[in-house]
Amino acid sequence: MAHAEKVFKVRNGKKTTKYTWRCRYKRPDGSWGSEPGFPTRRLAEEWGEQQEGAIREGRWIDPELSRKKFGAFVAEWMNAQKPRGRTEMNRWERLESHVLPRWRDAPLITINWFEVEAWARTLTCARSTTKDCVQLMSRIMNGAVDARHLLVNPLAGRRLTGLPADTAKKKSDEETVAEPEVVLQLARRLGALYGLHVVTTAWTGLRWEELVGLHRRNALLERRQKHDGDVFTCPVIRVDSEVGALAEYFKRDEDGKRKSFRGLEPPKNDKSARDVDLPPFLAELLEKHLAEWPHEFVFMTASGKWWWRSEWWRIIRPAADGRDERKPGRGRPASPAWEPLMPGLTMRDLRHTHDTWQEQIDVRPVLGYEQMGHKYPGIKGTYRHPTPPMRIDRLQGLQGLYERAMRNLGWKSIWED
């Protein structure tokens, strides 16, 4: 039975005649809980009766847990999650750069939508980053509800309004989607070894991590499907369901220190594990490359090491953006000047390029989604499936883009002997 006790105030180590009331109530495990600071006996007893009533009804939340600091609960929540390494790194970046500086010491029970929305409007990062931060906070608060720290999540289902205009410059279509001729010119500048990486990305749409993590055993497999009384076959690149991508991110040890990590991981999701059909010209280029390539993975540095994103950036930037002529120097050869081909072009842009090309050559959506590693939306994703005629049309379209670009350039081969 809940009851109240006097708590006398102490000044200079001596008990005074002034006091407040403390509530004592039975917790679910039979122990006595305590909550101080009530001005009257009646308020203390009423509060205790409310707690015991909530306990009997199974909706009680421990007041001590609801007052836990948000930063402390974040550590618990993050330790309980098991996302892919790069997802975990991105979450910590959002938390440490934006969320925790404001909310680290806030008790869970004090967080409310009014203050969160007002705080979000003060952030100077991109709108997408602001939204990510608030969504992450909401997920964490959902975790607090699930862990019986809170009764409800005050951020659930709320929508941000009144955010400042996003001043970040977005790329235009012309800056995002490359013409086949531009891709081939870029590949020629990079040479056969690194240029093939660019061509493969543009004509398959594979993600950076999927290509860098591509083992040679998965590079030229064969698709076989019954078709028209015979068997349709075509070469494919397989994104392995177990180790189909090379992950690169920072991970934390038990002391919370960041350490860089590179290693093979499963693909991004179940749809990402797939076989990507190769047009004939690309299959020939890959076959020739593998016949001469001594290393285990298909797209590596010349010395057989996995690419760092930053190192690849150093390779592709001058080829796409252009460069001035460079005279020979200490231990370096002369380099001719390069006119800009497509300033700012990235490997992600080449993935955008491939999907845009698929639309251009009328690839059926169910096949286009499959080849990009995306989930086809709605119930039709369950009922519709790619067929050999769809695959043939797609491969003919991609081969046609290559052959037309080569004619326009007047080339017989991408790389000169």
Protein backbone atom coordinates (compact mmCIF):
# COMPACT_ATOMS: atom_id res chain seq x y z
CA MET A 1 0.00 0.00 0.00
CA ALA A 2 1.45 3.37 -1.00
CA HIS A 3 2.13 5.75 1.85
CA ALA A 4 3.98 9.02 2.53
CA GLU A 5 6.94 9.85 4.78
CA LYS A 6 8.31 13.17 5.94
CA VAL A 7 11.76 14.14 4.65
CA PHE A 8 13.30 16.93 6.71
CA LYS A 9 15.56 19.40 4.98
CA VAL A 10 19.17 19.68 6.14
CA ARG A 11 21.19 22.89 6.37
CA ASN A 12 24.86 23.04 7.35
CA GLY A 13 24.70 19.41 8.35
CA LYS A 14 21.76 19.93 10.75
CA LYS A 15 18.15 18.85 10.31
CA THR A 16 15.71 21.75 10.12
CA THR A 17 12.00 21.90 10.89
CA LYS A 18 11.13 22.26 7.18
CA TYR A 19 10.21 19.13 5.29
CA THR A 20 8.72 17.67 2.12
CA TRP A 21 6.96 14.34 1.58
CA ARG A 22 8.33 11.20 0.03
CA CYS A 23 6.12 8.54 -1.50
CA ARG A 24 6.81 4.87 -0.82
CA TYR A 25 5.11 2.31 -3.05
CA LYS A 26 5.41 -1.38 -3.93
CA ARG A 27 7.27 -2.10 -7.16
CA PRO A 28 6.41 -5.08 -9.41
CA ASP A 29 9.17 -7.21 -7.82
CA GLY A 30 7.79 -6.57 -4.31
CA SER A 31 10.52 -4.11 -3.30
CA TRP A 32 9.73 -0.62 -2.09
CA GLY A 33 10.07 2.22 -4.55
CA SER A 34 10.66 5.81 -3.49
CA GLU A 35 9.86 9.21 -5.01
CA PRO A 36 10.73 12.39 -3.04
CA GLY A 37 9.84 16.03 -3.39
CA PHE A 38 6.08 16.27 -2.80
CA PRO A 39 4.82 19.37 -0.96
CA THR A 40 1.93 17.55 0.79
CA ARG A 41 1.16 14.10 2.13
CA ARG A 42 -1.93 13.82 -0.05
CA LEU A 43 -0.07 14.45 -3.28
CA ALA A 44 2.56 11.88 -2.34
CA GLU A 45 -0.02 9.23 -1.53
CA GLU A 46 -2.05 9.92 -4.68
CA TRP A 47 1.07 9.61 -6.80
CA GLY A 48 1.94 6.30 -5.16
CA GLU A 49 -1.57 4.95 -5.67
CA GLN A 50 -1.33 5.86 -9.33
CA GLN A 51 1.91 3.89 -9.61
CA GLU A 52 0.47 0.83 -7.93
CA GLY A 53 -2.63 1.06 -10.13
CA ALA A 54 -0.46 1.19 -13.25
CA ILE A 55 1.52 -1.80 -11.97
CA ARG A 56 -1.66 -3.84 -11.51
CA GLU A 57 -2.80 -2.94 -15.03
CA GLY A 58 0.58 -3.77 -16.61
CA ARG A 59 1.28 -0.26 -17.92
CA TRP A 60 3.74 0.97 -15.30
CA ILE A 61 6.99 2.70 -16.36
CA ASP A 62 9.82 2.97 -13.83
CA PRO A 63 10.31 6.70 -13.13
CA GLU A 64 14.05 6.17 -12.78
CA LEU A 65 14.26 4.72 -16.29
CA SER A 66 12.15 7.50 -17.79
CA ARG A 67 14.64 10.02 -16.36
CA LYS A 68 17.62 8.28 -17.97
CA LYS A 69 19.72 10.67 -20.06
CA PHE A 70 19.15 10.42 -23.80
CA GLY A 71 22.90 10.03 -24.43
CA ALA A 72 23.10 7.05 -22.06
CA PHE A 73 20.17 5.35 -23.75
CA VAL A 74 21.67 6.02 -27.20
CA ALA A 75 24.70 3.93 -26.22
CA GLU A 76 22.43 1.07 -25.11
CA TRP A 77 20.30 1.31 -28.24
CA MET A 78 23.26 1.39 -30.62
CA ASN A 79 24.83 -1.64 -28.92
CA ALA A 80 21.57 -3.55 -29.36
CA GLN A 81 21.40 -2.85 -33.12
CA LYS A 82 23.08 -5.00 -35.77
CA PRO A 83 23.05 -2.94 -38.98
CA ARG A 84 25.60 -3.12 -41.77
CA GLY A 85 28.86 -1.46 -40.82
CA ARG A 86 28.43 1.60 -43.03
CA THR A 87 24.89 2.14 -41.71
CA GLU A 88 26.24 2.09 -38.16
CA MET A 89 28.96 4.57 -39.10
CA ASN A 90 26.40 6.92 -40.67
CA ARG A 91 24.20 6.75 -37.57
CA TRP A 92 27.08 7.64 -35.28
CA GLU A 93 28.01 10.52 -37.58
CA ARG A 94 24.46 11.93 -37.33
CA LEU A 95 24.40 11.45 -33.58
CA GLU A 96 27.80 12.91 -32.75
CA SER A 97 27.69 15.81 -35.22
CA HIS A 98 24.11 16.96 -34.72
CA VAL A 99 21.91 15.12 -32.21
CA LEU A 100 23.95 14.49 -29.09
CA PRO A 101 25.41 18.01 -28.70
CA ARG A 102 21.85 19.18 -28.04
CA TRP A 103 20.13 16.17 -26.48
CA ARG A 104 22.87 14.15 -24.72
CA ASP A 105 21.93 15.25 -21.19
CA ALA A 106 18.17 15.54 -21.71
CA PRO A 107 16.13 13.00 -19.67
CA LEU A 108 14.05 10.81 -21.96
CA ILE A 109 10.81 11.94 -20.33
CA THR A 110 11.51 15.62 -21.10
CA ILE A 111 11.93 15.21 -24.88
CA ASN A 112 8.93 16.53 -26.77
CA TRP A 113 8.04 17.32 -30.37
CA PHE A 114 7.80 21.08 -29.86
CA GLU A 115 11.44 21.38 -28.80
CA VAL A 116 12.73 18.79 -31.30
CA GLU A 117 11.08 20.57 -34.22
CA ALA A 118 12.37 23.95 -33.03
CA TRP A 119 15.89 22.50 -32.75
CA ALA A 120 15.66 20.93 -36.23
CA ARG A 121 14.92 24.33 -37.74
CA THR A 122 18.21 25.67 -36.37
CA LEU A 123 20.40 23.02 -38.08
CA THR A 124 22.50 24.33 -40.94
CA CYS A 125 23.13 20.98 -42.62
CA ALA A 126 21.26 19.72 -45.70
CA ARG A 127 17.51 19.19 -45.32
CA SER A 128 17.94 15.48 -45.94
CA THR A 129 20.46 15.29 -43.08
CA THR A 130 18.09 17.17 -40.77
CA LYS A 131 15.29 14.76 -41.58
CA ASP A 132 17.62 11.78 -41.05
CA CYS A 133 18.55 13.12 -37.61
CA VAL A 134 14.94 13.51 -36.50
CA GLN A 135 13.98 10.10 -37.90
CA LEU A 136 16.90 8.54 -36.05
CA MET A 137 15.83 10.24 -32.83
CA SER A 138 12.32 8.88 -33.32
CA ARG A 139 13.64 5.35 -33.81
CA ILE A 140 15.67 5.64 -30.63
CA MET A 141 12.64 6.91 -28.74
CA ASN A 142 10.66 3.94 -30.11
CA GLY A 143 13.39 1.79 -28.60
CA ALA A 144 12.87 3.56 -25.27
CA VAL A 145 9.18 2.64 -25.43
CA ASP A 146 10.00 -0.97 -26.28
CA ALA A 147 12.51 -1.10 -23.41
CA ARG A 148 9.81 0.15 -21.00
CA HIS A 149 11.55 3.46 -20.36
CA LEU A 150 8.67 5.50 -21.77
CA LEU A 151 4.97 4.95 -22.19
CA VAL A 152 4.75 6.69 -25.59
CA ASN A 153 7.11 8.15 -28.18
CA PRO A 154 6.29 11.87 -28.57
CA LEU A 155 8.08 11.97 -31.95
CA ALA A 156 6.20 9.09 -33.56
CA GLY A 157 4.33 9.96 -36.74
CA ARG A 158 5.24 13.65 -36.63
CA ARG A 159 6.29 15.56 -39.72
CA LEU A 160 8.86 18.33 -39.88
CA THR A 161 7.58 21.65 -41.19
CA GLY A 162 9.08 25.08 -41.68
CA LEU A 163 12.61 23.92 -42.46
CA PRO A 164 14.82 26.55 -44.12
CA ALA A 165 15.41 26.25 -47.84
CA ASP A 166 18.07 23.76 -48.83
CA THR A 167 20.90 25.75 -50.36
CA ALA A 168 22.87 22.68 -51.47
CA LYS A 169 23.27 22.70 -55.24
CA LYS A 170 21.78 19.64 -56.88
CA LYS A 171 23.21 18.23 -60.08
CA SER A 172 21.18 18.76 -63.24
CA ASP A 173 20.21 15.82 -65.45
CA GLU A 174 23.07 16.71 -67.79
CA GLU A 175 25.53 16.56 -64.89
CA THR A 176 24.21 13.21 -63.62
CA VAL A 177 23.58 11.14 -66.77
CA ALA A 178 26.51 10.52 -69.10
CA GLU A 179 26.30 9.90 -72.82
CA PRO A 180 27.77 6.55 -73.94
CA GLU A 181 30.43 8.45 -75.90
CA VAL A 182 31.54 10.27 -72.75
CA VAL A 183 31.84 7.01 -70.80
CA LEU A 184 33.99 5.49 -73.53
CA GLN A 185 36.20 8.58 -73.77
CA LEU A 186 36.65 8.51 -70.00
CA ALA A 187 37.53 4.82 -70.14
CA ARG A 188 40.15 5.47 -72.82
CA ARG A 189 41.77 8.17 -70.70
CA LEU A 190 41.97 5.85 -67.71
CA GLY A 191 43.46 2.98 -69.71
CA ALA A 192 42.29 -0.60 -70.08
CA LEU A 193 42.79 -1.57 -66.43
CA TYR A 194 40.86 1.23 -64.74
CA GLY A 195 38.72 2.18 -67.73
CA LEU A 196 37.05 -1.23 -67.70
CA HIS A 197 35.81 -0.45 -64.19
CA VAL A 198 34.06 2.65 -65.54
CA VAL A 199 32.56 0.85 -68.55
CA THR A 200 31.29 -2.02 -66.40
CA THR A 201 29.61 0.37 -63.99
CA ALA A 202 27.86 2.27 -66.77
CA TRP A 203 26.69 -0.83 -68.67
CA THR A 204 25.62 -2.89 -65.60
CA GLY A 205 24.59 -0.34 -62.94
CA LEU A 206 26.45 -2.25 -60.24
CA ARG A 207 27.20 -0.36 -57.04
CA TRP A 208 30.76 0.69 -56.25
CA GLU A 209 31.06 -1.78 -53.36
CA GLU A 210 29.62 -4.62 -55.47
CA LEU A 211 32.19 -4.18 -58.22
CA VAL A 212 35.16 -3.64 -55.92
CA GLY A 213 34.12 -6.78 -54.01
CA LEU A 214 33.62 -8.85 -57.19
CA HIS A 215 35.56 -12.12 -57.03
CA ARG A 216 36.67 -13.55 -60.34
CA ARG A 217 34.67 -16.73 -59.70
CA ASN A 218 31.50 -14.61 -59.95
CA ALA A 219 32.55 -12.51 -62.93
CA LEU A 220 31.48 -14.58 -65.95
CA LEU A 221 28.85 -17.10 -64.96
CA GLU A 222 25.99 -18.17 -67.20
CA ARG A 223 22.24 -17.64 -66.99
CA ARG A 224 20.16 -20.46 -68.47
CA GLN A 225 16.41 -20.24 -68.99
CA LYS A 226 14.05 -22.28 -71.14
CA HIS A 227 12.87 -20.25 -74.11
CA ASP A 228 11.09 -20.94 -77.37
CA GLY A 229 11.75 -24.68 -77.33
CA ASP A 230 15.43 -24.15 -76.57
CA VAL A 231 17.55 -22.58 -73.83
CA PHE A 232 18.37 -18.87 -73.55
CA THR A 233 21.87 -18.25 -72.22
CA CYS A 234 23.84 -15.12 -71.44
CA PRO A 235 26.92 -14.27 -69.35
CA VAL A 236 26.27 -12.67 -65.96
CA ILE A 237 28.05 -11.05 -63.06
CA ARG A 238 26.84 -12.49 -59.77
CA VAL A 239 26.51 -10.41 -56.63
CA ASP A 240 27.08 -13.09 -54.01
CA SER A 241 24.49 -13.29 -51.22
CA GLU A 242 27.14 -13.99 -48.57
CA VAL A 243 30.11 -11.78 -49.46
CA GLY A 244 28.85 -9.70 -52.35
CA ALA A 245 30.20 -6.27 -51.42
CA LEU A 246 33.36 -4.65 -50.12
CA ALA A 247 32.50 -2.52 -47.11
CA GLU A 248 34.57 0.49 -46.13
CA TYR A 249 33.74 2.39 -42.96
CA PHE A 250 34.78 3.27 -39.43
CA LYS A 251 33.89 0.83 -36.69
CA ARG A 252 34.20 1.25 -32.94
CA ASP A 253 36.06 -0.97 -30.54
CA GLU A 254 34.97 -1.66 -26.96
CA ASP A 255 36.58 1.60 -25.82
CA GLY A 256 34.58 3.61 -28.35
CA LYS A 257 37.64 4.41 -30.51
CA ARG A 258 37.12 4.57 -34.27
CA LYS A 259 39.11 2.27 -36.52
CA SER A 260 38.93 2.08 -40.28
CA PHE A 261 37.60 -1.20 -41.67
CA ARG A 262 37.58 -2.75 -45.12
CA GLY A 263 36.24 -6.22 -45.71
CA LEU A 264 33.66 -8.31 -47.51
CA GLU A 265 30.09 -8.22 -46.28
CA PRO A 266 26.68 -9.40 -47.51
CA PRO A 267 24.98 -7.10 -50.03
CA LYS A 268 22.85 -4.15 -49.00
CA ASN A 269 19.60 -6.19 -48.97
CA ASP A 270 18.15 -9.43 -50.31
CA LYS A 271 17.28 -7.88 -53.68
CA SER A 272 20.89 -6.78 -54.12
CA ALA A 273 22.04 -10.40 -54.33
CA ARG A 274 21.41 -11.00 -58.03
CA ASP A 275 22.78 -11.99 -61.44
CA VAL A 276 23.36 -9.02 -63.76
CA ASP A 277 23.18 -9.82 -67.49
CA LEU A 278 26.13 -8.65 -69.61
CA PRO A 279 25.89 -7.37 -73.19
CA PRO A 280 28.21 -9.24 -75.58
CA PHE A 281 30.87 -6.53 -75.91
CA LEU A 282 31.29 -6.25 -72.14
CA ALA A 283 31.50 -10.02 -71.68
CA GLU A 284 34.31 -10.07 -74.25
CA LEU A 285 36.19 -7.26 -72.50
CA LEU A 286 35.89 -8.99 -69.11
CA GLU A 287 36.99 -12.33 -70.55
CA LYS A 288 40.10 -10.75 -72.03
CA HIS A 289 40.82 -8.88 -68.79
CA LEU A 290 40.54 -12.01 -66.63
CA ALA A 291 42.76 -14.01 -68.98
CA GLU A 292 45.60 -11.58 -68.24
CA TRP A 293 44.68 -10.54 -64.69
CA PRO A 294 46.64 -12.33 -61.92
CA HIS A 295 44.62 -11.20 -58.91
CA GLU A 296 41.71 -12.75 -57.05
CA PHE A 297 39.28 -9.84 -57.38
CA VAL A 298 38.34 -8.37 -60.74
CA PHE A 299 38.61 -4.64 -60.04
CA MET A 300 41.63 -3.87 -57.90
CA THR A 301 44.64 -1.59 -58.09
CA ALA A 302 47.45 -2.63 -60.42
CA SER A 303 49.30 -4.00 -57.39
CA GLY A 304 46.36 -6.19 -56.39
CA LYS A 305 44.97 -4.16 -53.49
CA TRP A 306 41.37 -3.20 -52.79
CA TRP A 307 40.50 0.32 -53.76
CA TRP A 308 39.93 3.01 -51.19
CA ARG A 309 37.15 5.32 -52.30
CA SER A 310 39.44 8.29 -51.75
CA GLU A 311 42.15 6.75 -53.93
CA TRP A 312 39.73 6.03 -56.75
CA TRP A 313 38.50 9.63 -56.45
CA ARG A 314 42.06 10.76 -57.15
CA ILE A 315 42.08 8.59 -60.30
CA ILE A 316 38.74 9.57 -61.79
CA ARG A 317 38.71 13.29 -61.03
CA PRO A 318 41.31 14.52 -63.54
CA ALA A 319 39.97 12.13 -66.20
CA ALA A 320 36.42 13.52 -65.88
CA ASP A 321 37.17 17.12 -64.88
CA GLY A 322 40.19 17.72 -67.13
CA ARG A 323 43.72 18.74 -66.18
CA ASP A 324 46.54 21.00 -67.26
CA GLU A 325 49.62 19.71 -68.99
CA ARG A 326 52.18 18.44 -66.51
CA LYS A 327 55.90 18.57 -67.19
CA PRO A 328 58.13 15.67 -66.19
CA GLY A 329 59.38 15.96 -62.63
CA ARG A 330 61.15 13.95 -59.98
CA GLY A 331 60.12 10.37 -60.57
CA ARG A 332 57.00 11.30 -62.57
CA PRO A 333 56.44 11.28 -66.33
CA ALA A 334 54.99 14.11 -68.35
CA SER A 335 51.21 14.17 -68.72
CA PRO A 336 49.28 15.77 -71.58
CA ALA A 337 46.51 18.28 -70.94
CA TRP A 338 42.98 16.87 -70.82
CA GLU A 339 39.91 18.84 -71.76
CA PRO A 340 36.94 18.39 -69.37
CA LEU A 341 34.67 15.50 -70.32
CA MET A 342 32.02 15.64 -67.60
CA PRO A 343 33.12 17.64 -64.55
CA GLY A 344 31.95 16.20 -61.24
CA LEU A 345 31.12 12.76 -62.65
CA THR A 346 31.11 10.04 -59.96
CA MET A 347 30.65 6.28 -59.95
CA ARG A 348 27.22 6.83 -58.42
CA ASP A 349 26.38 9.04 -61.41
CA LEU A 350 27.31 6.12 -63.65
CA ARG A 351 24.82 3.96 -61.77
CA HIS A 352 22.20 6.66 -62.36
CA THR A 353 23.32 6.66 -65.98
CA HIS A 354 22.71 2.95 -66.39
CA ASP A 355 19.20 3.07 -64.98
CA THR A 356 18.41 6.04 -67.22
CA TRP A 357 19.71 4.11 -70.22
CA GLN A 358 17.40 1.24 -69.26
CA GLU A 359 14.45 3.60 -69.44
CA GLN A 360 15.74 5.00 -72.73
CA ILE A 361 15.85 1.57 -74.39
CA ASP A 362 12.45 0.57 -72.95
CA VAL A 363 13.61 -2.11 -70.51
CA ARG A 364 10.56 -3.60 -68.81
CA PRO A 365 10.33 -2.20 -65.27
CA VAL A 366 10.28 -5.60 -63.56
CA LEU A 367 13.59 -6.47 -65.26
CA GLY A 368 15.07 -3.00 -64.73
CA TYR A 369 14.38 -3.17 -61.00
CA GLU A 370 15.89 -6.66 -60.78
CA GLN A 371 19.08 -5.70 -62.60
CA MET A 372 19.60 -2.62 -60.40
CA GLY A 373 19.06 -4.62 -57.20
CA HIS A 374 15.86 -2.75 -56.31
CA LYS A 375 12.56 -4.10 -55.02
CA TYR A 376 9.72 -3.80 -57.53
CA PRO A 377 6.97 -1.88 -55.70
CA GLY A 378 3.58 -3.19 -54.75
CA ILE A 379 1.90 -6.55 -55.25
CA LYS A 380 3.11 -6.62 -58.86
CA GLY A 381 6.57 -7.28 -57.51
CA THR A 382 5.23 -10.67 -56.42
CA TYR A 383 3.34 -11.53 -59.60
CA ARG A 384 5.61 -10.21 -62.37
CA HIS A 385 8.88 -11.88 -63.38
CA PRO A 386 11.49 -11.17 -66.08
CA THR A 387 11.38 -13.46 -69.12
CA PRO A 388 14.05 -14.34 -71.73
CA PRO A 389 12.50 -12.04 -74.41
CA MET A 390 12.72 -9.15 -71.93
CA ARG A 391 16.37 -9.97 -71.26
CA ILE A 392 17.17 -10.27 -74.96
CA ASP A 393 15.63 -6.86 -75.67
CA ARG A 394 17.60 -5.27 -72.83
CA LEU A 395 20.92 -6.78 -73.95
CA GLN A 396 20.32 -5.75 -77.55
CA GLY A 397 19.55 -2.22 -76.42
CA LEU A 398 22.71 -1.95 -74.30
CA GLN A 399 24.82 -3.44 -77.10
CA GLY A 400 23.27 -0.93 -79.48
CA LEU A 401 24.24 1.99 -77.24
CA TYR A 402 27.84 0.79 -77.27
CA GLU A 403 28.01 0.17 -81.01
CA ARG A 404 26.41 3.51 -81.87
CA ALA A 405 28.80 5.37 -79.56
CA MET A 406 31.79 3.62 -81.14
CA ARG A 407 30.60 4.60 -84.62
CA ASN A 408 30.07 8.20 -83.52
CA LEU A 409 33.60 8.32 -82.13
CA GLY A 410 35.04 6.60 -85.15
CA TRP A 411 36.72 3.97 -82.99
CA LYS A 412 37.33 0.30 -83.66
CA SER A 413 38.30 -0.41 -80.05
CA ILE A 414 38.10 1.48 -76.78
CA TRP A 415 41.79 1.19 -75.98
CA GLU A 416 44.43 1.82 -78.55
CA ASP A 417 47.17 -0.77 -78.88
